Amino acid sequence: MLKSEFNGWPTTILENKFVRLEFMATSPRIVRFNPVGKPNMFADLGNESLDTPFGDFYFRGGHRLWHSPEAMPRTYIPDNEGATVSQIPGGVRLDQPTEAWTHIAKSLEIRLNPDQPQVILRHELRNDGPWEVELAPWALSMFRLGGVGIFPQPVGNTDPAGLLANRQISIWPYTKVDDPRLVWRDDCLLIRATPSLPPIKIGYFNPHGWQAYWLEGVLFVKRFDSLPGATFPDGGCNTETYCNHRFIELETLGALGKLPPGETVIHNETWEVYDRLDQPFIPAEVVEFLNK
């Protein structure tokens, strides 16, 4: 594996004939992602940081692991140093030291599928504290602007007579429902990732188990276990997205529960890359709309 750097921080390159990614040598972060022959799809926020009681938290861009519900300072414990990198079959494992104050340890396993453009991620949160902690694993990927986020919606009846609601949508207070970046459709919510303020953030329970970003002729698909029947943060969200004037995020969440001391919760994602928008899992009407 080749060595590189990201805004002065050391990174390592993991690649095959389909994709190339860079992960931090000091924390469980993926900071660059390139389908072969294509530019980095992830956002690069330089060394922009947020001051916290425990030091500077760097947003960086790219992919990271958090635990929900979001709160200050719990969510923003710095992860700048101390990670260990181990080789595993097909990839690497990154283990972060236990966080100060929260006593949560983060780990990320990254594997490349040798036969197709696919990345397999295993996120782990371990409770190293003396008491149980209520949390949900939360995986966030920050992309460059210029594309369209695709978020499939629940469709059809939830009861035979069609009398009950089939979806609940959480909307954050700074979000304007008439924001021109939002395209509300029955089959999919689309977000045009153009630079604008105020930011928008929307979440919901996504039974389809995928979300996508279409950027410069590349379709990035993030798959996850939707866990029907589980309890989720933020009013029942296993899918969330945030977009501002610099990036758009595709976010997945695991179930919200109490993690006992010494126990680990796991949240898996699979990334897939396609060079065409017209895929069987995307409604034909959405493909036609985006092609226009």
Protein backbone atom coordinates (compact mmCIF):
# COMPACT_ATOMS: atom_id res chain seq x y z
CA MET A 1 0.00 0.00 0.00
CA LEU A 2 1.28 3.43 -0.97
CA LYS A 3 1.62 6.34 1.43
CA SER A 4 0.22 9.80 0.75
CA GLU A 5 -1.08 12.85 2.64
CA PHE A 6 -4.29 14.82 3.06
CA ASN A 7 -3.85 18.48 4.01
CA GLY A 8 -0.63 17.60 5.81
CA TRP A 9 -1.97 14.50 7.58
CA PRO A 10 -0.55 11.06 6.66
CA THR A 11 -2.75 8.70 4.64
CA THR A 12 -2.48 5.28 3.04
CA ILE A 13 -3.84 4.29 -0.37
CA LEU A 14 -5.95 1.16 -0.80
CA GLU A 15 -6.79 0.31 -4.42
CA ASN A 16 -7.58 -2.31 -7.02
CA LYS A 17 -8.48 -2.17 -10.72
CA PHE A 18 -11.90 -0.64 -9.93
CA VAL A 19 -11.50 1.92 -7.13
CA ARG A 20 -8.89 3.82 -5.18
CA LEU A 21 -9.39 5.23 -1.70
CA GLU A 22 -7.24 6.89 0.94
CA PHE A 23 -7.65 6.41 4.66
CA MET A 24 -6.11 8.32 7.53
CA ALA A 25 -3.12 6.76 9.23
CA THR A 26 -4.13 8.39 12.52
CA SER A 27 -7.93 7.98 12.70
CA PRO A 28 -10.74 5.79 11.25
CA ARG A 29 -11.49 8.08 8.32
CA ILE A 30 -11.66 7.61 4.55
CA VAL A 31 -10.75 10.97 3.03
CA ARG A 32 -10.61 10.30 -0.72
CA PHE A 33 -12.57 7.98 -3.00
CA ASN A 34 -11.92 7.63 -6.72
CA PRO A 35 -13.48 5.23 -9.19
CA VAL A 36 -10.59 4.39 -11.53
CA GLY A 37 -10.15 7.15 -14.11
CA LYS A 38 -12.41 9.57 -12.21
CA PRO A 39 -11.63 12.40 -9.78
CA ASN A 40 -12.15 12.21 -6.02
CA MET A 41 -15.88 12.17 -5.25
CA PHE A 42 -15.51 13.21 -1.63
CA ALA A 43 -15.50 16.76 -0.30
CA ASP A 44 -12.25 18.28 0.96
CA LEU A 45 -12.73 20.80 3.77
CA GLY A 46 -9.03 21.36 4.35
CA ASN A 47 -8.11 21.77 8.00
CA GLU A 48 -11.35 23.44 9.04
CA SER A 49 -11.91 22.59 12.70
CA LEU A 50 -14.32 23.12 15.56
CA ASP A 51 -13.11 23.99 19.05
CA THR A 52 -14.38 21.54 21.69
CA PRO A 53 -13.59 21.02 25.40
CA PHE A 54 -11.41 18.08 24.30
CA GLY A 55 -9.47 19.81 21.52
CA ASP A 56 -9.98 20.56 17.83
CA PHE A 57 -12.42 18.41 15.88
CA TYR A 58 -11.60 18.31 12.13
CA PHE A 59 -14.43 17.79 9.67
CA ARG A 60 -11.94 16.98 6.86
CA GLY A 61 -14.50 15.66 4.36
CA GLY A 62 -14.88 12.06 3.25
CA HIS A 63 -16.30 9.28 5.42
CA ARG A 64 -16.38 9.00 9.21
CA LEU A 65 -18.10 7.11 12.03
CA TRP A 66 -20.09 8.92 14.72
CA HIS A 67 -22.63 7.89 17.32
CA SER A 68 -26.12 9.38 17.47
CA PRO A 69 -28.07 11.24 18.88
CA GLU A 70 -25.98 14.30 18.00
CA ALA A 71 -24.91 16.47 20.95
CA MET A 72 -22.11 18.80 21.89
CA PRO A 73 -19.52 17.82 22.97
CA ARG A 74 -20.30 14.09 22.86
CA THR A 75 -20.52 13.78 19.09
CA TYR A 76 -17.46 15.96 18.43
CA ILE A 77 -14.76 14.18 20.42
CA PRO A 78 -11.57 14.62 18.31
CA ASP A 79 -10.24 11.58 16.47
CA ASN A 80 -6.97 13.08 15.23
CA GLU A 81 -4.37 10.65 16.50
CA GLY A 82 -3.59 7.28 18.02
CA ALA A 83 -5.32 4.92 15.60
CA THR A 84 -3.74 1.56 14.83
CA VAL A 85 -3.84 0.09 11.32
CA SER A 86 -3.95 -3.69 10.81
CA GLN A 87 -4.09 -5.64 7.58
CA ILE A 88 -7.04 -8.03 7.24
CA PRO A 89 -8.03 -10.25 4.30
CA GLY A 90 -8.95 -7.94 1.44
CA GLY A 91 -8.31 -4.71 3.27
CA VAL A 92 -7.49 -2.97 6.55
CA ARG A 93 -8.84 -2.43 10.06
CA LEU A 94 -8.55 0.94 11.82
CA ASP A 95 -8.92 1.03 15.61
CA GLN A 96 -9.28 4.37 17.38
CA PRO A 97 -8.36 4.75 21.06
CA THR A 98 -11.28 4.99 23.46
CA GLU A 99 -12.79 8.46 23.40
CA ALA A 100 -12.27 10.71 26.37
CA TRP A 101 -15.41 11.28 28.42
CA THR A 102 -17.76 9.08 26.31
CA HIS A 103 -15.63 5.90 26.79
CA ILE A 104 -16.66 4.77 23.28
CA ALA A 105 -14.04 3.18 21.00
CA LYS A 106 -14.52 3.36 17.21
CA SER A 107 -13.25 0.86 14.66
CA LEU A 108 -13.59 0.68 10.89
CA GLU A 109 -12.85 -2.26 8.61
CA ILE A 110 -12.42 -1.52 4.89
CA ARG A 111 -12.43 -4.26 2.26
CA LEU A 112 -12.28 -4.01 -1.54
CA ASN A 113 -14.16 -6.52 -3.65
CA PRO A 114 -11.59 -7.83 -6.18
CA ASP A 115 -14.28 -8.69 -8.73
CA GLN A 116 -16.34 -5.50 -8.97
CA PRO A 117 -16.31 -1.81 -7.96
CA GLN A 118 -17.50 -2.40 -4.42
CA VAL A 119 -16.25 -1.39 -0.97
CA ILE A 120 -17.41 -3.30 2.10
CA LEU A 121 -17.35 -1.40 5.41
CA ARG A 122 -17.81 -2.65 8.94
CA HIS A 123 -18.28 0.06 11.59
CA GLU A 124 -17.92 -0.83 15.26
CA LEU A 125 -18.66 1.06 18.47
CA ARG A 126 -17.44 -0.53 21.72
CA ASN A 127 -18.42 0.66 25.18
CA ASP A 128 -15.29 0.74 27.34
CA GLY A 129 -17.03 2.62 30.15
CA PRO A 130 -18.51 1.35 33.45
CA TRP A 131 -22.17 1.95 32.54
CA GLU A 132 -24.46 1.34 29.57
CA VAL A 133 -24.74 4.05 26.93
CA GLU A 134 -27.72 4.72 24.67
CA LEU A 135 -26.55 5.33 21.11
CA ALA A 136 -26.90 4.41 17.47
CA PRO A 137 -24.00 3.94 15.04
CA TRP A 138 -23.97 6.71 12.46
CA ALA A 139 -21.93 6.60 9.23
CA LEU A 140 -21.55 9.83 7.25
CA SER A 141 -20.06 10.36 3.78
CA MET A 142 -19.37 13.92 2.57
CA PHE A 143 -19.40 14.47 -1.21
CA ARG A 144 -18.40 17.29 -3.52
CA LEU A 145 -21.20 19.50 -4.79
CA GLY A 146 -22.41 19.36 -8.38
CA GLY A 147 -24.47 16.18 -8.34
CA VAL A 148 -27.90 14.96 -7.21
CA GLY A 149 -28.67 12.96 -4.08
CA ILE A 150 -31.25 10.18 -4.58
CA PHE A 151 -33.24 8.94 -1.59
CA PRO A 152 -35.92 6.28 -2.30
CA GLN A 153 -39.19 6.72 -0.46
CA PRO A 154 -41.65 4.21 1.02
CA VAL A 155 -44.40 3.50 -1.49
CA GLY A 156 -47.71 1.65 -1.30
CA ASN A 157 -50.10 0.99 1.56
CA THR A 158 -49.09 -0.01 5.05
CA ASP A 159 -52.53 -1.52 5.68
CA PRO A 160 -54.97 -3.20 3.26
CA ALA A 161 -57.37 -0.24 3.19
CA GLY A 162 -54.70 2.41 2.76
CA LEU A 163 -55.89 4.36 5.80
CA LEU A 164 -52.53 4.62 7.64
CA ALA A 165 -49.51 6.77 6.89
CA ASN A 166 -46.70 5.09 4.97
CA ARG A 167 -43.83 7.42 5.94
CA GLN A 168 -42.60 9.94 8.48
CA ILE A 169 -40.09 12.62 7.54
CA SER A 170 -37.91 14.52 10.03
CA ILE A 171 -37.03 18.07 9.01
CA TRP A 172 -34.41 20.11 10.88
CA PRO A 173 -35.34 23.68 11.91
CA TYR A 174 -33.03 25.46 9.45
CA THR A 175 -34.49 23.56 6.47
CA LYS A 176 -36.86 25.44 4.17
CA VAL A 177 -39.39 23.05 2.63
CA ASP A 178 -39.59 25.22 -0.49
CA ASP A 179 -35.81 25.18 -0.98
CA PRO A 180 -35.24 24.89 -4.76
CA ARG A 181 -32.60 22.21 -4.19
CA LEU A 182 -35.34 19.83 -2.97
CA VAL A 183 -37.38 17.80 -5.45
CA TRP A 184 -40.25 16.08 -3.64
CA ARG A 185 -41.43 13.02 -5.55
CA ASP A 186 -43.62 10.10 -4.48
CA ASP A 187 -40.93 7.54 -5.33
CA CYS A 188 -37.75 9.45 -4.41
CA LEU A 189 -36.58 12.58 -2.69
CA LEU A 190 -33.97 14.29 -4.85
CA ILE A 191 -31.54 16.94 -3.64
CA ARG A 192 -29.67 19.07 -6.14
CA ALA A 193 -26.26 19.55 -4.50
CA THR A 194 -25.66 23.17 -5.44
CA PRO A 195 -23.95 25.75 -3.19
CA SER A 196 -26.59 27.54 -1.17
CA LEU A 197 -27.53 28.59 2.34
CA PRO A 198 -29.27 28.01 4.68
CA PRO A 199 -28.37 24.31 4.87
CA ILE A 200 -30.97 21.60 4.57
CA LYS A 201 -31.24 18.38 6.56
CA ILE A 202 -33.90 15.71 6.15
CA GLY A 203 -34.26 12.20 7.56
CA TYR A 204 -36.71 9.30 7.38
CA PHE A 205 -37.04 5.54 7.69
CA ASN A 206 -35.82 4.10 4.41
CA PRO A 207 -37.08 0.52 3.89
CA HIS A 208 -35.19 0.10 0.61
CA GLY A 209 -31.75 -0.04 2.25
CA TRP A 210 -29.94 2.18 -0.26
CA GLN A 211 -29.23 5.81 -1.08
CA ALA A 212 -27.23 7.25 -3.96
CA TYR A 213 -25.35 10.23 -5.38
CA TRP A 214 -25.12 10.93 -9.13
CA LEU A 215 -22.05 13.04 -9.90
CA GLU A 216 -20.34 13.67 -13.24
CA GLY A 217 -21.42 10.41 -14.82
CA VAL A 218 -20.77 8.25 -11.73
CA LEU A 219 -23.51 6.70 -9.60
CA PHE A 220 -22.33 6.06 -6.03
CA VAL A 221 -24.71 3.75 -4.13
CA LYS A 222 -24.55 3.21 -0.39
CA ARG A 223 -26.33 0.07 0.83
CA PHE A 224 -27.18 -0.85 4.43
CA ASP A 225 -29.49 -3.03 6.50
CA SER A 226 -32.74 -1.11 6.95
CA LEU A 227 -33.64 -3.06 10.16
CA PRO A 228 -37.46 -2.88 9.90
CA GLY A 229 -39.13 -2.77 13.30
CA ALA A 230 -36.10 -1.29 15.10
CA THR A 231 -36.05 2.04 16.94
CA PHE A 232 -33.95 4.81 15.36
CA PRO A 233 -32.84 8.30 16.41
CA ASP A 234 -34.28 11.62 15.23
CA GLY A 235 -37.88 10.48 15.03
CA GLY A 236 -37.18 7.10 13.47
CA CYS A 237 -34.49 7.84 10.87
CA ASN A 238 -32.14 5.26 9.37
CA THR A 239 -31.36 7.62 6.46
CA GLU A 240 -30.41 11.27 6.70
CA THR A 241 -28.90 13.85 4.37
CA TYR A 242 -27.37 17.26 4.95
CA CYS A 243 -26.45 19.78 2.25
CA ASN A 244 -24.90 23.24 2.51
CA HIS A 245 -22.77 25.56 0.34
CA ARG A 246 -19.73 23.24 0.44
CA PHE A 247 -20.83 19.59 0.45
CA ILE A 248 -23.66 17.06 0.64
CA GLU A 249 -23.78 14.17 3.09
CA LEU A 250 -25.24 10.69 2.65
CA GLU A 251 -25.83 9.28 6.14
CA THR A 252 -26.95 5.87 7.42
CA LEU A 253 -27.88 5.01 11.00
CA GLY A 254 -28.16 1.78 12.91
CA ALA A 255 -30.72 1.01 15.59
CA LEU A 256 -30.87 3.11 18.74
CA GLY A 257 -30.27 1.02 21.83
CA LYS A 258 -28.43 0.70 25.13
CA LEU A 259 -24.89 -0.64 24.77
CA PRO A 260 -23.70 -2.44 27.93
CA PRO A 261 -20.12 -2.11 29.22
CA GLY A 262 -17.70 -4.20 27.18
CA GLU A 263 -20.18 -4.79 24.35
CA THR A 264 -19.86 -3.80 20.67
CA VAL A 265 -22.50 -2.70 18.15
CA ILE A 266 -21.85 -3.20 14.42
CA HIS A 267 -23.13 -1.21 11.45
CA ASN A 268 -22.31 -2.36 7.90
CA GLU A 269 -22.33 -0.46 4.63
CA THR A 270 -21.56 -1.54 1.08
CA TRP A 271 -20.52 1.03 -1.50
CA GLU A 272 -21.13 0.36 -5.19
CA VAL A 273 -20.15 2.38 -8.24
CA TYR A 274 -21.90 2.42 -11.63
CA ASP A 275 -21.18 4.35 -14.81
CA ARG A 276 -24.85 4.56 -15.79
CA LEU A 277 -27.84 6.09 -14.05
CA ASP A 278 -30.42 3.65 -15.42
CA GLN A 279 -30.16 0.86 -12.84
CA PRO A 280 -32.98 -1.57 -11.95
CA PHE A 281 -33.36 -0.17 -8.43
CA ILE A 282 -33.87 3.44 -9.60
CA PRO A 283 -37.39 4.23 -10.90
CA ALA A 284 -37.42 4.84 -14.66
CA GLU A 285 -39.23 8.15 -14.12
CA VAL A 286 -36.40 9.36 -11.89
CA VAL A 287 -33.82 8.39 -14.51
CA GLU A 288 -35.79 10.29 -17.16
CA PHE A 289 -36.16 13.32 -14.88
CA LEU A 290 -32.43 13.48 -14.10
CA ASN A 291 -31.39 12.96 -17.70
CA LYS A 292 -33.38 16.08 -18.59
